[in-house]
């Protein structure tokens, strides 16, 4: 999902969680990010924690940890 602004990451997260639940009848168990600012807001993290999703962040300047993202 492309974001026009970093502030729209929270809305996109809610959309992604709903889409995965509806389309695939699955729940997301882990969320891995590159520790960018859009993924570290209190609102964003509280949504993940409320859903019981484990939060993982890669170490800076280690692209090998990003897997398919890179």
PDB file of N, CA and C in Angstrom:
ATOM      1  N   UNK A   1       0.847  -1.163   0.000  1.00  0.00           N
ATOM      2  CA  UNK A   1       0.000   0.000   0.000  1.00  0.00           C
ATOM      3  C   UNK A   1       0.901   1.238   0.000  1.00  0.00           C
ATOM      4  N   UNK A   2       0.696   2.098  -0.938  1.00  0.00           N
ATOM      5  CA  UNK A   2       1.501   3.315  -1.021  1.00  0.00           C
ATOM      6  C   UNK A   2       0.908   4.397  -0.124  1.00  0.00           C
ATOM      7  N   UNK A   3       1.777   5.121   0.554  1.00  0.00           N
ATOM      8  CA  UNK A   3       1.351   6.196   1.446  1.00  0.00           C
ATOM      9  C   UNK A   3       1.779   7.535   0.865  1.00  0.00           C
ATOM     10  N   UNK A   4       0.873   8.474   0.798  1.00  0.00           N
ATOM     11  CA  UNK A   4       1.224   9.816   0.337  1.00  0.00           C
ATOM     12  C   UNK A   4       1.916  10.600   1.441  1.00  0.00           C
ATOM     13  N   UNK A   5       1.513  10.325   2.674  1.00  0.00           N
ATOM     14  CA  UNK A   5       2.103  10.994   3.827  1.00  0.00           C
ATOM     15  C   UNK A   5       2.358   9.958   4.911  1.00  0.00           C
ATOM     16  N   UNK A   6       3.388  10.174   5.690  1.00  0.00           N
ATOM     17  CA  UNK A   6       3.690   9.238   6.767  1.00  0.00           C
ATOM     18  C   UNK A   6       2.570   9.179   7.796  1.00  0.00           C
ATOM     19  N   UNK A   7       1.834  10.263   7.940  1.00  0.00           N
ATOM     20  CA  UNK A   7       0.753  10.308   8.918  1.00  0.00           C
ATOM     21  C   UNK A   7      -0.403   9.373   8.557  1.00  0.00           C
ATOM     22  N   UNK A   8      -0.478   8.920   7.313  1.00  0.00           N
ATOM     23  CA  UNK A   8      -1.556   8.020   6.915  1.00  0.00           C
ATOM     24  C   UNK A   8      -1.228   6.546   7.177  1.00  0.00           C
ATOM     25  N   UNK A   9      -0.103   6.260   7.818  1.00  0.00           N
ATOM     26  CA  UNK A   9       0.292   4.882   8.114  1.00  0.00           C
ATOM     27  C   UNK A   9      -0.695   4.207   9.059  1.00  0.00           C
ATOM     28  N   UNK A  10      -1.242   4.945  10.012  1.00  0.00           N
ATOM     29  CA  UNK A  10      -2.186   4.370  10.967  1.00  0.00           C
ATOM     30  C   UNK A  10      -3.466   3.935  10.258  1.00  0.00           C
ATOM     31  N   UNK A  11      -3.961   4.738   9.349  1.00  0.00           N
ATOM     32  CA  UNK A  11      -5.167   4.395   8.593  1.00  0.00           C
ATOM     33  C   UNK A  11      -4.898   3.179   7.712  1.00  0.00           C
ATOM     34  N   UNK A  12      -3.731   3.163   7.079  1.00  0.00           N
ATOM     35  CA  UNK A  12      -3.358   2.039   6.226  1.00  0.00           C
ATOM     36  C   UNK A  12      -3.244   0.754   7.039  1.00  0.00           C
ATOM     37  N   UNK A  13      -2.716   0.842   8.256  1.00  0.00           N
ATOM     38  CA  UNK A  13      -2.599  -0.330   9.118  1.00  0.00           C
ATOM     39  C   UNK A  13      -3.970  -0.915   9.410  1.00  0.00           C
ATOM     40  N   UNK A  14      -4.916  -0.075   9.771  1.00  0.00           N
ATOM     41  CA  UNK A  14      -6.280  -0.545  10.053  1.00  0.00           C
ATOM     42  C   UNK A  14      -6.881  -1.213   8.816  1.00  0.00           C
ATOM     43  N   UNK A  15      -6.650  -0.625   7.643  1.00  0.00           N
ATOM     44  CA  UNK A  15      -7.166  -1.195   6.395  1.00  0.00           C
ATOM     45  C   UNK A  15      -6.536  -2.557   6.102  1.00  0.00           C
ATOM     46  N   UNK A  16      -5.242  -2.668   6.314  1.00  0.00           N
ATOM     47  CA  UNK A  16      -4.535  -3.924   6.053  1.00  0.00           C
ATOM     48  C   UNK A  16      -5.007  -5.019   7.005  1.00  0.00           C
ATOM     49  N   UNK A  17      -5.133  -4.690   8.281  1.00  0.00           N
ATOM     50  CA  UNK A  17      -5.595  -5.679   9.254  1.00  0.00           C
ATOM     51  C   UNK A  17      -6.998  -6.178   8.903  1.00  0.00           C
ATOM     52  N   UNK A  18      -7.888  -5.268   8.516  1.00  0.00           N
ATOM     53  CA  UNK A  18      -9.249  -5.643   8.139  1.00  0.00           C
ATOM     54  C   UNK A  18      -9.261  -6.475   6.862  1.00  0.00           C
ATOM     55  N   UNK A  19      -8.442  -6.098   5.881  1.00  0.00           N
ATOM     56  CA  UNK A  19      -8.392  -6.824   4.617  1.00  0.00           C
ATOM     57  C   UNK A  19      -7.892  -8.247   4.809  1.00  0.00           C
ATOM     58  N   UNK A  20      -6.839  -8.422   5.590  1.00  0.00           N
ATOM     59  CA  UNK A  20      -6.293  -9.760   5.837  1.00  0.00           C
ATOM     60  C   UNK A  20      -7.333 -10.622   6.553  1.00  0.00           C
ATOM     61  N   UNK A  21      -8.015 -10.052   7.530  1.00  0.00           N
ATOM     62  CA  UNK A  21      -9.037 -10.789   8.265  1.00  0.00           C
ATOM     63  C   UNK A  21     -10.200 -11.178   7.343  1.00  0.00           C
ATOM     64  N   UNK A  22     -10.653 -10.264   6.526  1.00  0.00           N
ATOM     65  CA  UNK A  22     -11.815 -10.507   5.673  1.00  0.00           C
ATOM     66  C   UNK A  22     -11.489 -11.403   4.479  1.00  0.00           C
ATOM     67  N   UNK A  23     -10.427 -11.084   3.758  1.00  0.00           N
ATOM     68  CA  UNK A  23     -10.109 -11.798   2.523  1.00  0.00           C
ATOM     69  C   UNK A  23      -9.489 -13.169   2.751  1.00  0.00           C
ATOM     70  N   UNK A  24      -8.692 -13.302   3.811  1.00  0.00           N
ATOM     71  CA  UNK A  24      -7.946 -14.539   4.021  1.00  0.00           C
ATOM     72  C   UNK A  24      -8.342 -15.296   5.288  1.00  0.00           C
ATOM     73  N   UNK A  25      -9.248 -14.739   6.070  1.00  0.00           N
ATOM     74  CA  UNK A  25      -9.676 -15.347   7.341  1.00  0.00           C
ATOM     75  C   UNK A  25      -8.483 -15.688   8.225  1.00  0.00           C
ATOM     76  N   UNK A  26      -7.532 -14.795   8.262  1.00  0.00           N
ATOM     77  CA  UNK A  26      -6.313 -14.965   9.050  1.00  0.00           C
ATOM     78  C   UNK A  26      -6.086 -13.723   9.897  1.00  0.00           C
ATOM     79  N   UNK A  27      -5.238 -13.879  10.899  1.00  0.00           N
ATOM     80  CA  UNK A  27      -4.831 -12.729  11.694  1.00  0.00           C
ATOM     81  C   UNK A  27      -3.325 -12.575  11.580  1.00  0.00           C
ATOM     82  N   UNK A  28      -2.874 -11.350  11.608  1.00  0.00           N
ATOM     83  CA  UNK A  28      -1.446 -11.077  11.548  1.00  0.00           C
ATOM     84  C   UNK A  28      -0.867 -11.307  12.940  1.00  0.00           C
ATOM     85  N   UNK A  29       0.227 -12.050  13.012  1.00  0.00           N
ATOM     86  CA  UNK A  29       0.835 -12.385  14.300  1.00  0.00           C
ATOM     87  C   UNK A  29       2.062 -11.546  14.606  1.00  0.00           C
ATOM     88  N   UNK A  30       2.787 -11.134  13.562  1.00  0.00           N
ATOM     89  CA  UNK A  30       4.009 -10.342  13.741  1.00  0.00           C
ATOM     90  C   UNK A  30       4.027  -9.218  12.719  1.00  0.00           C
ATOM     91  N   UNK A  31       4.595  -8.084  13.121  1.00  0.00           N
ATOM     92  CA  UNK A  31       4.743  -6.926  12.237  1.00  0.00           C
ATOM     93  C   UNK A  31       6.210  -6.538  12.235  1.00  0.00           C
ATOM     94  N   UNK A  32       6.875  -6.672  11.080  1.00  0.00           N
ATOM     95  CA  UNK A  32       8.289  -6.313  10.982  1.00  0.00           C
ATOM     96  C   UNK A  32       8.416  -5.047  10.163  1.00  0.00           C
ATOM     97  N   UNK A  33       9.159  -4.090  10.696  1.00  0.00           N
ATOM     98  CA  UNK A  33       9.378  -2.837   9.981  1.00  0.00           C
ATOM     99  C   UNK A  33      10.835  -2.422  10.105  1.00  0.00           C
ATOM    100  N   UNK A  34      11.176  -1.382   9.379  1.00  0.00           N
ATOM    101  CA  UNK A  34      12.549  -0.880   9.391  1.00  0.00           C
ATOM    102  C   UNK A  34      12.733   0.212  10.442  1.00  0.00           C
ATOM    103  N   UNK A  35      11.822   0.304  11.394  1.00  0.00           N
ATOM    104  CA  UNK A  35      11.888   1.287  12.489  1.00  0.00           C
ATOM    105  C   UNK A  35      11.792   2.717  11.974  1.00  0.00           C
ATOM    106  N   UNK A  36      11.104   2.894  10.844  1.00  0.00           N
ATOM    107  CA  UNK A  36      10.878   4.237  10.322  1.00  0.00           C
ATOM    108  C   UNK A  36       9.923   4.998  11.225  1.00  0.00           C
ATOM    109  N   UNK A  37       9.952   6.292  11.152  1.00  0.00           N
ATOM    110  CA  UNK A  37       9.135   7.134  12.020  1.00  0.00           C
ATOM    111  C   UNK A  37       7.652   6.880  11.922  1.00  0.00           C
ATOM    112  N   UNK A  38       7.176   6.504  10.717  1.00  0.00           N
ATOM    113  CA  UNK A  38       5.749   6.254  10.559  1.00  0.00           C
ATOM    114  C   UNK A  38       5.293   5.002  11.300  1.00  0.00           C
ATOM    115  N   UNK A  39       6.239   4.126  11.637  1.00  0.00           N
ATOM    116  CA  UNK A  39       5.905   2.887  12.340  1.00  0.00           C
ATOM    117  C   UNK A  39       6.179   2.965  13.838  1.00  0.00           C
ATOM    118  N   UNK A  40       6.593   4.100  14.327  1.00  0.00           N
ATOM    119  CA  UNK A  40       6.941   4.224  15.740  1.00  0.00           C
ATOM    120  C   UNK A  40       6.020   5.158  16.516  1.00  0.00           C
ATOM    121  N   UNK A  41       4.962   5.629  15.890  1.00  0.00           N
ATOM    122  CA  UNK A  41       4.052   6.534  16.599  1.00  0.00           C
ATOM    123  C   UNK A  41       3.305   5.753  17.682  1.00  0.00           C
ATOM    124  N   UNK A  42       2.913   6.449  18.716  1.00  0.00           N
ATOM    125  CA  UNK A  42       2.198   5.807  19.821  1.00  0.00           C
ATOM    126  C   UNK A  42       0.891   5.184  19.342  1.00  0.00           C
ATOM    127  N   UNK A  43       0.195   5.860  18.454  1.00  0.00           N
ATOM    128  CA  UNK A  43      -1.075   5.350  17.938  1.00  0.00           C
ATOM    129  C   UNK A  43      -0.871   4.070  17.150  1.00  0.00           C
ATOM    130  N   UNK A  44       0.129   4.064  16.276  1.00  0.00           N
ATOM    131  CA  UNK A  44       0.425   2.899  15.443  1.00  0.00           C
ATOM    132  C   UNK A  44       0.763   1.697  16.313  1.00  0.00           C
ATOM    133  N   UNK A  45       1.672   1.906  17.274  1.00  0.00           N
ATOM    134  CA  UNK A  45       2.098   0.814  18.143  1.00  0.00           C
ATOM    135  C   UNK A  45       0.969   0.340  19.053  1.00  0.00           C
ATOM    136  N   UNK A  46       0.111   1.239  19.498  1.00  0.00           N
ATOM    137  CA  UNK A  46      -0.989   0.829  20.378  1.00  0.00           C
ATOM    138  C   UNK A  46      -2.006  -0.031  19.629  1.00  0.00           C
ATOM    139  N   UNK A  47      -2.205   0.217  18.343  1.00  0.00           N
ATOM    140  CA  UNK A  47      -3.103  -0.621  17.543  1.00  0.00           C
ATOM    141  C   UNK A  47      -2.544  -2.037  17.456  1.00  0.00           C
ATOM    142  N   UNK A  48      -1.249  -2.139  17.173  1.00  0.00           N
ATOM    143  CA  UNK A  48      -0.625  -3.459  17.091  1.00  0.00           C
ATOM    144  C   UNK A  48      -0.708  -4.190  18.426  1.00  0.00           C
ATOM    145  N   UNK A  49      -0.400  -3.488  19.514  1.00  0.00           N
ATOM    146  CA  UNK A  49      -0.442  -4.111  20.838  1.00  0.00           C
ATOM    147  C   UNK A  49      -1.848  -4.530  21.222  1.00  0.00           C
ATOM    148  N   UNK A  50      -2.839  -3.731  20.881  1.00  0.00           N
ATOM    149  CA  UNK A  50      -4.231  -4.060  21.209  1.00  0.00           C
ATOM    150  C   UNK A  50      -4.685  -5.325  20.481  1.00  0.00           C
ATOM    151  N   UNK A  51      -4.151  -5.570  19.303  1.00  0.00           N
ATOM    152  CA  UNK A  51      -4.491  -6.765  18.531  1.00  0.00           C
ATOM    153  C   UNK A  51      -3.622  -7.965  18.917  1.00  0.00           C
ATOM    154  N   UNK A  52      -2.654  -7.758  19.807  1.00  0.00           N
ATOM    155  CA  UNK A  52      -1.771  -8.844  20.225  1.00  0.00           C
ATOM    156  C   UNK A  52      -0.716  -9.200  19.199  1.00  0.00           C
ATOM    157  N   UNK A  53      -0.364  -8.248  18.354  1.00  0.00           N
ATOM    158  CA  UNK A  53       0.616  -8.476  17.292  1.00  0.00           C
ATOM    159  C   UNK A  53       2.011  -8.173  17.823  1.00  0.00           C
ATOM    160  N   UNK A  54       2.918  -9.127  17.628  1.00  0.00           N
ATOM    161  CA  UNK A  54       4.304  -8.969  18.061  1.00  0.00           C
ATOM    162  C   UNK A  54       5.006  -7.968  17.143  1.00  0.00           C
ATOM    163  N   UNK A  55       5.717  -7.009  17.733  1.00  0.00           N
ATOM    164  CA  UNK A  55       6.376  -5.948  16.974  1.00  0.00           C
ATOM    165  C   UNK A  55       7.863  -6.263  16.837  1.00  0.00           C
ATOM    166  N   UNK A  56       8.328  -6.355  15.598  1.00  0.00           N
ATOM    167  CA  UNK A  56       9.733  -6.619  15.299  1.00  0.00           C
ATOM    168  C   UNK A  56      10.279  -5.449  14.495  1.00  0.00           C
ATOM    169  N   UNK A  57      11.518  -5.060  14.781  1.00  0.00           N
ATOM    170  CA  UNK A  57      12.150  -3.978  14.024  1.00  0.00           C
ATOM    171  C   UNK A  57      13.555  -4.404  13.636  1.00  0.00           C
ATOM    172  N   UNK A  58      13.896  -4.127  12.391  1.00  0.00           N
ATOM    173  CA  UNK A  58      15.228  -4.480  11.914  1.00  0.00           C
ATOM    174  C   UNK A  58      16.257  -3.478  12.425  1.00  0.00           C
ATOM    175  N   UNK A  59      17.492  -3.919  12.450  1.00  0.00           N
ATOM    176  CA  UNK A  59      18.601  -3.073  12.883  1.00  0.00           C
ATOM    177  C   UNK A  59      18.958  -2.135  11.729  1.00  0.00           C
ATOM    178  N   UNK A  60      19.227  -0.852  12.009  1.00  0.00           N
ATOM    179  CA  UNK A  60      19.581   0.075  10.930  1.00  0.00           C
ATOM    180  C   UNK A  60      20.825  -0.370  10.149  1.00  0.00           C
ATOM    181  N   UNK A  61      20.794  -0.129   8.858  1.00  0.00           N
ATOM    182  CA  UNK A  61      21.905  -0.396   7.940  1.00  0.00           C
ATOM    183  C   UNK A  61      22.236  -1.885   7.802  1.00  0.00           C
ATOM    184  N   UNK A  62      21.238  -2.739   8.015  1.00  0.00           N
ATOM    185  CA  UNK A  62      21.412  -4.187   7.805  1.00  0.00           C
ATOM    186  C   UNK A  62      20.263  -4.646   6.897  1.00  0.00           C
ATOM    187  N   UNK A  63      20.387  -4.424   5.581  1.00  0.00           N
ATOM    188  CA  UNK A  63      19.301  -4.749   4.662  1.00  0.00           C
ATOM    189  C   UNK A  63      18.986  -6.248   4.595  1.00  0.00           C
ATOM    190  N   UNK A  64      19.908  -7.105   5.010  1.00  0.00           N
ATOM    191  CA  UNK A  64      19.666  -8.545   4.995  1.00  0.00           C
ATOM    192  C   UNK A  64      18.488  -8.916   5.890  1.00  0.00           C
ATOM    193  N   UNK A  65      18.211  -8.125   6.916  1.00  0.00           N
ATOM    194  CA  UNK A  65      17.108  -8.429   7.819  1.00  0.00           C
ATOM    195  C   UNK A  65      15.762  -8.093   7.202  1.00  0.00           C
ATOM    196  N   UNK A  66      15.736  -7.293   6.163  1.00  0.00           N
ATOM    197  CA  UNK A  66      14.473  -6.866   5.580  1.00  0.00           C
ATOM    198  C   UNK A  66      13.855  -7.909   4.662  1.00  0.00           C
ATOM    199  N   UNK A  67      14.597  -8.930   4.303  1.00  0.00           N
ATOM    200  CA  UNK A  67      14.046  -9.985   3.474  1.00  0.00           C
ATOM    201  C   UNK A  67      13.517  -9.484   2.151  1.00  0.00           C
ATOM    202  N   UNK A  68      12.225  -9.647   1.926  1.00  0.00           N
ATOM    203  CA  UNK A  68      11.624  -9.281   0.655  1.00  0.00           C
ATOM    204  C   UNK A  68      11.439  -7.779   0.485  1.00  0.00           C
ATOM    205  N   UNK A  69      11.504  -7.035   1.561  1.00  0.00           N
ATOM    206  CA  UNK A  69      11.278  -5.593   1.462  1.00  0.00           C
ATOM    207  C   UNK A  69      12.358  -4.899   0.642  1.00  0.00           C
ATOM    208  N   UNK A  70      13.554  -5.417   0.668  1.00  0.00           N
ATOM    209  CA  UNK A  70      14.654  -4.767  -0.050  1.00  0.00           C
ATOM    210  C   UNK A  70      14.697  -5.207  -1.478  1.00  0.00           C
TER     211      UNK A  70
END
